[in-house]
Amino acid sequence: AKTWFFVGSDYLWPHKSFEIAKKVIEAAGGTVVGEEYAPIGTTDWGSVVSKINRTNPSVVLLALAGGADNVSI
């Protein structure tokens, strides 16, 4: 994959994971086209989905904490 978009919860694990992933991706010739962090418990992902759609990445890499609280019905 050549283009990547990162979505993570806003705490240490996603920030550090993406920092490492970005180095590996760039060393392999890829590009990170977006990076978004949201508070744990976020249920409205509309703005993030819009940014993903605008950048049209090959891959979306998720590092989200929580479970059902990240989904709204």
PDB file of N, CA and C in Angstrom:
ATOM      1  N   ALA A   1       0.843  -1.185   0.000  1.00  0.00           N
ATOM      2  CA  ALA A   1       0.000   0.000   0.000  1.00  0.00           C
ATOM      3  C   ALA A   1       0.885   1.244   0.000  1.00  0.00           C
ATOM      4  N   LYS A   2       0.464   2.231  -0.735  1.00  0.00           N
ATOM      5  CA  LYS A   2       1.270   3.441  -0.867  1.00  0.00           C
ATOM      6  C   LYS A   2       0.787   4.592   0.008  1.00  0.00           C
ATOM      7  N   THR A   3      -0.507   4.684   0.274  1.00  0.00           N
ATOM      8  CA  THR A   3      -1.019   5.805   1.072  1.00  0.00           C
ATOM      9  C   THR A   3      -1.778   5.283   2.286  1.00  0.00           C
ATOM     10  N   TRP A   4      -1.530   5.927   3.408  1.00  0.00           N
ATOM     11  CA  TRP A   4      -2.060   5.476   4.690  1.00  0.00           C
ATOM     12  C   TRP A   4      -2.710   6.631   5.432  1.00  0.00           C
ATOM     13  N   PHE A   5      -3.754   6.316   6.189  1.00  0.00           N
ATOM     14  CA  PHE A   5      -4.420   7.285   7.069  1.00  0.00           C
ATOM     15  C   PHE A   5      -4.509   6.639   8.439  1.00  0.00           C
ATOM     16  N   PHE A   6      -4.047   7.341   9.473  1.00  0.00           N
ATOM     17  CA  PHE A   6      -4.054   6.827  10.839  1.00  0.00           C
ATOM     18  C   PHE A   6      -5.227   7.402  11.619  1.00  0.00           C
ATOM     19  N   VAL A   7      -5.929   6.548  12.362  1.00  0.00           N
ATOM     20  CA  VAL A   7      -7.001   6.979  13.261  1.00  0.00           C
ATOM     21  C   VAL A   7      -6.751   6.325  14.612  1.00  0.00           C
ATOM     22  N   GLY A   8      -6.602   7.150  15.649  1.00  0.00           N
ATOM     23  CA  GLY A   8      -6.311   6.596  16.962  1.00  0.00           C
ATOM     24  C   GLY A   8      -6.995   7.337  18.084  1.00  0.00           C
ATOM     25  N   SER A   9      -7.086   6.671  19.204  1.00  0.00           N
ATOM     26  CA  SER A   9      -7.537   7.324  20.430  1.00  0.00           C
ATOM     27  C   SER A   9      -6.421   8.263  20.881  1.00  0.00           C
ATOM     28  N   ASP A  10      -6.794   9.340  21.528  1.00  0.00           N
ATOM     29  CA  ASP A  10      -5.819  10.368  21.894  1.00  0.00           C
ATOM     30  C   ASP A  10      -5.152  10.049  23.225  1.00  0.00           C
ATOM     31  N   TYR A  11      -4.218   9.107  23.162  1.00  0.00           N
ATOM     32  CA  TYR A  11      -3.374   8.811  24.317  1.00  0.00           C
ATOM     33  C   TYR A  11      -2.080   8.177  23.803  1.00  0.00           C
ATOM     34  N   LEU A  12      -1.193   7.835  24.696  1.00  0.00           N
ATOM     35  CA  LEU A  12       0.176   7.479  24.348  1.00  0.00           C
ATOM     36  C   LEU A  12       0.314   6.332  23.338  1.00  0.00           C
ATOM     37  N   TRP A  13      -0.390   5.219  23.548  1.00  0.00           N
ATOM     38  CA  TRP A  13      -0.200   4.042  22.696  1.00  0.00           C
ATOM     39  C   TRP A  13      -0.394   4.362  21.208  1.00  0.00           C
ATOM     40  N   PRO A  14      -1.518   4.970  20.782  1.00  0.00           N
ATOM     41  CA  PRO A  14      -1.659   5.263  19.350  1.00  0.00           C
ATOM     42  C   PRO A  14      -0.610   6.255  18.832  1.00  0.00           C
ATOM     43  N   HIS A  15      -0.314   7.285  19.623  1.00  0.00           N
ATOM     44  CA  HIS A  15       0.687   8.262  19.173  1.00  0.00           C
ATOM     45  C   HIS A  15       2.038   7.598  18.920  1.00  0.00           C
ATOM     46  N   LYS A  16       2.499   6.792  19.845  1.00  0.00           N
ATOM     47  CA  LYS A  16       3.798   6.135  19.694  1.00  0.00           C
ATOM     48  C   LYS A  16       3.763   5.060  18.602  1.00  0.00           C
ATOM     49  N   SER A  17       2.661   4.312  18.532  1.00  0.00           N
ATOM     50  CA  SER A  17       2.532   3.277  17.490  1.00  0.00           C
ATOM     51  C   SER A  17       2.595   3.898  16.104  1.00  0.00           C
ATOM     52  N   PHE A  18       1.887   5.000  15.923  1.00  0.00           N
ATOM     53  CA  PHE A  18       1.867   5.661  14.618  1.00  0.00           C
ATOM     54  C   PHE A  18       3.209   6.327  14.299  1.00  0.00           C
ATOM     55  N   GLU A  19       3.894   6.795  15.321  1.00  0.00           N
ATOM     56  CA  GLU A  19       5.227   7.368  15.121  1.00  0.00           C
ATOM     57  C   GLU A  19       6.159   6.320  14.521  1.00  0.00           C
ATOM     58  N   ILE A  20       6.115   5.125  15.060  1.00  0.00           N
ATOM     59  CA  ILE A  20       6.938   4.022  14.559  1.00  0.00           C
ATOM     60  C   ILE A  20       6.459   3.576  13.181  1.00  0.00           C
ATOM     61  N   ALA A  21       5.148   3.424  13.022  1.00  0.00           N
ATOM     62  CA  ALA A  21       4.587   2.982  11.740  1.00  0.00           C
ATOM     63  C   ALA A  21       4.939   3.952  10.622  1.00  0.00           C
ATOM     64  N   LYS A  22       4.897   5.250  10.918  1.00  0.00           N
ATOM     65  CA  LYS A  22       5.192   6.252   9.889  1.00  0.00           C
ATOM     66  C   LYS A  22       6.622   6.074   9.360  1.00  0.00           C
ATOM     67  N   LYS A  23       7.571   5.818  10.238  1.00  0.00           N
ATOM     68  CA  LYS A  23       8.955   5.606   9.809  1.00  0.00           C
ATOM     69  C   LYS A  23       9.071   4.380   8.909  1.00  0.00           C
ATOM     70  N   VAL A  24       8.386   3.303   9.288  1.00  0.00           N
ATOM     71  CA  VAL A  24       8.431   2.068   8.496  1.00  0.00           C
ATOM     72  C   VAL A  24       7.767   2.287   7.136  1.00  0.00           C
ATOM     73  N   ILE A  25       6.616   2.942   7.136  1.00  0.00           N
ATOM     74  CA  ILE A  25       5.875   3.193   5.889  1.00  0.00           C
ATOM     75  C   ILE A  25       6.707   4.055   4.943  1.00  0.00           C
ATOM     76  N   GLU A  26       7.279   5.132   5.467  1.00  0.00           N
ATOM     77  CA  GLU A  26       8.076   6.024   4.615  1.00  0.00           C
ATOM     78  C   GLU A  26       9.338   5.334   4.103  1.00  0.00           C
ATOM     79  N   ALA A  27       9.965   4.494   4.932  1.00  0.00           N
ATOM     80  CA  ALA A  27      11.153   3.753   4.492  1.00  0.00           C
ATOM     81  C   ALA A  27      10.818   2.782   3.359  1.00  0.00           C
ATOM     82  N   ALA A  28       9.569   2.321   3.321  1.00  0.00           N
ATOM     83  CA  ALA A  28       9.123   1.396   2.277  1.00  0.00           C
ATOM     84  C   ALA A  28       8.554   2.129   1.061  1.00  0.00           C
ATOM     85  N   GLY A  29       8.623   3.472   1.069  1.00  0.00           N
ATOM     86  CA  GLY A  29       8.150   4.242  -0.081  1.00  0.00           C
ATOM     87  C   GLY A  29       6.711   4.695   0.007  1.00  0.00           C
ATOM     88  N   GLY A  30       6.065   4.483   1.146  1.00  0.00           N
ATOM     89  CA  GLY A  30       4.683   4.908   1.317  1.00  0.00           C
ATOM     90  C   GLY A  30       4.590   6.306   1.909  1.00  0.00           C
ATOM     91  N   THR A  31       3.355   6.785   1.997  1.00  0.00           N
ATOM     92  CA  THR A  31       3.086   8.121   2.519  1.00  0.00           C
ATOM     93  C   THR A  31       1.899   8.072   3.465  1.00  0.00           C
ATOM     94  N   VAL A  32       2.010   8.779   4.575  1.00  0.00           N
ATOM     95  CA  VAL A  32       0.875   8.952   5.484  1.00  0.00           C
ATOM     96  C   VAL A  32       0.154  10.221   5.034  1.00  0.00           C
ATOM     97  N   VAL A  33      -1.099  10.073   4.601  1.00  0.00           N
ATOM     98  CA  VAL A  33      -1.850  11.207   4.054  1.00  0.00           C
ATOM     99  C   VAL A  33      -2.767  11.865   5.076  1.00  0.00           C
ATOM    100  N   GLY A  34      -2.886  11.261   6.264  1.00  0.00           N
ATOM    101  CA  GLY A  34      -3.712  11.849   7.310  1.00  0.00           C
ATOM    102  C   GLY A  34      -3.522  11.140   8.624  1.00  0.00           C
ATOM    103  N   GLU A  35      -3.795  11.885   9.693  1.00  0.00           N
ATOM    104  CA  GLU A  35      -3.620  11.348  11.039  1.00  0.00           C
ATOM    105  C   GLU A  35      -4.617  12.080  11.937  1.00  0.00           C
ATOM    106  N   GLU A  36      -5.508  11.334  12.565  1.00  0.00           N
ATOM    107  CA  GLU A  36      -6.525  11.916  13.433  1.00  0.00           C
ATOM    108  C   GLU A  36      -6.557  11.177  14.760  1.00  0.00           C
ATOM    109  N   TYR A  37      -6.722  11.941  15.835  1.00  0.00           N
ATOM    110  CA  TYR A  37      -6.844  11.376  17.176  1.00  0.00           C
ATOM    111  C   TYR A  37      -8.134  11.893  17.796  1.00  0.00           C
ATOM    112  N   ALA A  38      -8.832  11.012  18.510  1.00  0.00           N
ATOM    113  CA  ALA A  38     -10.092  11.380  19.156  1.00  0.00           C
ATOM    114  C   ALA A  38     -10.072  10.900  20.602  1.00  0.00           C
ATOM    115  N   PRO A  39     -10.770  11.605  21.477  1.00  0.00           N
ATOM    116  CA  PRO A  39     -10.838  11.162  22.873  1.00  0.00           C
ATOM    117  C   PRO A  39     -11.472   9.776  22.978  1.00  0.00           C
ATOM    118  N   ILE A  40     -11.033   9.006  23.967  1.00  0.00           N
ATOM    119  CA  ILE A  40     -11.667   7.719  24.226  1.00  0.00           C
ATOM    120  C   ILE A  40     -13.135   7.969  24.526  1.00  0.00           C
ATOM    121  N   GLY A  41     -14.000   7.169  23.928  1.00  0.00           N
ATOM    122  CA  GLY A  41     -15.437   7.331  24.109  1.00  0.00           C
ATOM    123  C   GLY A  41     -16.116   8.118  23.007  1.00  0.00           C
ATOM    124  N   THR A  42     -15.352   8.577  22.021  1.00  0.00           N
ATOM    125  CA  THR A  42     -15.931   9.307  20.892  1.00  0.00           C
ATOM    126  C   THR A  42     -16.929   8.421  20.160  1.00  0.00           C
ATOM    127  N   THR A  43     -18.084   8.976  19.834  1.00  0.00           N
ATOM    128  CA  THR A  43     -19.086   8.221  19.074  1.00  0.00           C
ATOM    129  C   THR A  43     -19.411   8.873  17.735  1.00  0.00           C
ATOM    130  N   ASP A  44     -19.069  10.123  17.555  1.00  0.00           N
ATOM    131  CA  ASP A  44     -19.340  10.805  16.288  1.00  0.00           C
ATOM    132  C   ASP A  44     -18.058  10.852  15.465  1.00  0.00           C
ATOM    133  N   TRP A  45     -17.979   9.995  14.485  1.00  0.00           N
ATOM    134  CA  TRP A  45     -16.799   9.867  13.646  1.00  0.00           C
ATOM    135  C   TRP A  45     -16.973  10.513  12.278  1.00  0.00           C
ATOM    136  N   GLY A  46     -18.058  11.260  12.098  1.00  0.00           N
ATOM    137  CA  GLY A  46     -18.373  11.845  10.791  1.00  0.00           C
ATOM    138  C   GLY A  46     -17.259  12.687  10.202  1.00  0.00           C
ATOM    139  N   SER A  47     -16.657  13.555  11.011  1.00  0.00           N
ATOM    140  CA  SER A  47     -15.600  14.429  10.475  1.00  0.00           C
ATOM    141  C   SER A  47     -14.362  13.621  10.091  1.00  0.00           C
ATOM    142  N   VAL A  48     -14.053  12.584  10.854  1.00  0.00           N
ATOM    143  CA  VAL A  48     -12.896  11.741  10.538  1.00  0.00           C
ATOM    144  C   VAL A  48     -13.158  10.958   9.248  1.00  0.00           C
ATOM    145  N   VAL A  49     -14.352  10.409   9.122  1.00  0.00           N
ATOM    146  CA  VAL A  49     -14.708   9.668   7.901  1.00  0.00           C
ATOM    147  C   VAL A  49     -14.629  10.589   6.688  1.00  0.00           C
ATOM    148  N   SER A  50     -15.067  11.835   6.838  1.00  0.00           N
ATOM    149  CA  SER A  50     -14.982  12.802   5.729  1.00  0.00           C
ATOM    150  C   SER A  50     -13.528  13.047   5.329  1.00  0.00           C
ATOM    151  N   LYS A  51     -12.643  13.184   6.306  1.00  0.00           N
ATOM    152  CA  LYS A  51     -11.220  13.393   6.005  1.00  0.00           C
ATOM    153  C   LYS A  51     -10.618  12.177   5.318  1.00  0.00           C
ATOM    154  N   ILE A  52     -11.018  11.000   5.764  1.00  0.00           N
ATOM    155  CA  ILE A  52     -10.541   9.776   5.112  1.00  0.00           C
ATOM    156  C   ILE A  52     -11.005   9.749   3.662  1.00  0.00           C
ATOM    157  N   ASN A  53     -12.271  10.052   3.439  1.00  0.00           N
ATOM    158  CA  ASN A  53     -12.803  10.055   2.070  1.00  0.00           C
ATOM    159  C   ASN A  53     -12.092  11.071   1.184  1.00  0.00           C
ATOM    160  N   ARG A  54     -11.773  12.241   1.728  1.00  0.00           N
ATOM    161  CA  ARG A  54     -11.088  13.275   0.941  1.00  0.00           C
ATOM    162  C   ARG A  54      -9.670  12.861   0.542  1.00  0.00           C
ATOM    163  N   THR A  55      -8.986  12.134   1.410  1.00  0.00           N
ATOM    164  CA  THR A  55      -7.603  11.753   1.112  1.00  0.00           C
ATOM    165  C   THR A  55      -7.500  10.443   0.348  1.00  0.00           C
ATOM    166  N   ASN A  56      -8.569   9.650   0.367  1.00  0.00           N
ATOM    167  CA  ASN A  56      -8.636   8.401  -0.399  1.00  0.00           C
ATOM    168  C   ASN A  56      -7.403   7.505  -0.202  1.00  0.00           C
ATOM    169  N   PRO A  57      -7.101   7.137   1.058  1.00  0.00           N
ATOM    170  CA  PRO A  57      -5.924   6.312   1.301  1.00  0.00           C
ATOM    171  C   PRO A  57      -6.130   4.866   0.851  1.00  0.00           C
ATOM    172  N   SER A  58      -5.022   4.173   0.645  1.00  0.00           N
ATOM    173  CA  SER A  58      -5.077   2.738   0.353  1.00  0.00           C
ATOM    174  C   SER A  58      -5.427   1.959   1.611  1.00  0.00           C
ATOM    175  N   VAL A  59      -4.945   2.448   2.773  1.00  0.00           N
ATOM    176  CA  VAL A  59      -5.111   1.747   4.041  1.00  0.00           C
ATOM    177  C   VAL A  59      -5.503   2.741   5.128  1.00  0.00           C
ATOM    178  N   VAL A  60      -6.420   2.333   5.997  1.00  0.00           N
ATOM    179  CA  VAL A  60      -6.723   3.071   7.225  1.00  0.00           C
ATOM    180  C   VAL A  60      -6.239   2.198   8.373  1.00  0.00           C
ATOM    181  N   LEU A  61      -5.279   2.712   9.141  1.00  0.00           N
ATOM    182  CA  LEU A  61      -4.732   1.990  10.278  1.00  0.00           C
ATOM    183  C   LEU A  61      -5.375   2.535  11.548  1.00  0.00           C
ATOM    184  N   LEU A  62      -6.045   1.652  12.293  1.00  0.00           N
ATOM    185  CA  LEU A  62      -6.767   2.045  13.501  1.00  0.00           C
ATOM    186  C   LEU A  62      -6.021   1.619  14.754  1.00  0.00           C
ATOM    187  N   ALA A  63      -6.045   2.507  15.742  1.00  0.00           N
ATOM    188  CA  ALA A  63      -5.529   2.181  17.071  1.00  0.00           C
ATOM    189  C   ALA A  63      -6.484   2.838  18.077  1.00  0.00           C
ATOM    190  N   LEU A  64      -7.643   2.210  18.233  1.00  0.00           N
ATOM    191  CA  LEU A  64      -8.708   2.773  19.073  1.00  0.00           C
ATOM    192  C   LEU A  64      -8.863   1.986  20.351  1.00  0.00           C
ATOM    193  N   ALA A  65      -8.985   2.706  21.450  1.00  0.00           N
ATOM    194  CA  ALA A  65      -9.258   2.084  22.739  1.00  0.00           C
ATOM    195  C   ALA A  65     -10.767   2.104  22.963  1.00  0.00           C
ATOM    196  N   GLY A  66     -11.229   1.181  23.761  1.00  0.00           N
ATOM    197  CA  GLY A  66     -12.661   1.117  24.029  1.00  0.00           C
ATOM    198  C   GLY A  66     -13.300   0.085  23.133  1.00  0.00           C
ATOM    199  N   GLY A  67     -14.563   0.021  23.193  1.00  0.00           N
ATOM    200  CA  GLY A  67     -15.294  -0.956  22.389  1.00  0.00           C
ATOM    201  C   GLY A  67     -16.614  -0.366  21.961  1.00  0.00           C
ATOM    202  N   ALA A  68     -17.668  -0.777  22.607  1.00  0.00           N
ATOM    203  CA  ALA A  68     -19.002  -0.329  22.233  1.00  0.00           C
ATOM    204  C   ALA A  68     -19.169   1.184  22.345  1.00  0.00           C
ATOM    205  N   ASP A  69     -18.378   1.828  23.205  1.00  0.00           N
ATOM    206  CA  ASP A  69     -18.503   3.283  23.328  1.00  0.00           C
ATOM    207  C   ASP A  69     -18.015   4.022  22.085  1.00  0.00           C
ATOM    208  N   ASN A  70     -17.328   3.346  21.163  1.00  0.00           N
ATOM    209  CA  ASN A  70     -16.896   3.970  19.927  1.00  0.00           C
ATOM    210  C   ASN A  70     -17.952   3.850  18.816  1.00  0.00           C
ATOM    211  N   VAL A  71     -19.052   3.202  19.093  1.00  0.00           N
ATOM    212  CA  VAL A  71     -20.096   2.983  18.100  1.00  0.00           C
ATOM    213  C   VAL A  71     -21.382   3.604  18.569  1.00  0.00           C
ATOM    214  N   SER A  72     -21.979   4.412  17.725  1.00  0.00           N
ATOM    215  CA  SER A  72     -23.294   4.953  18.077  1.00  0.00           C
ATOM    216  C   SER A  72     -24.333   4.365  17.130  1.00  0.00           C
ATOM    217  N   ILE A  73     -25.518   4.168  17.644  1.00  0.00           N
ATOM    218  CA  ILE A  73     -26.589   3.561  16.836  1.00  0.00           C
ATOM    219  C   ILE A  73     -27.630   4.599  16.533  1.00  0.00           C
TER     220      ILE A  73
END
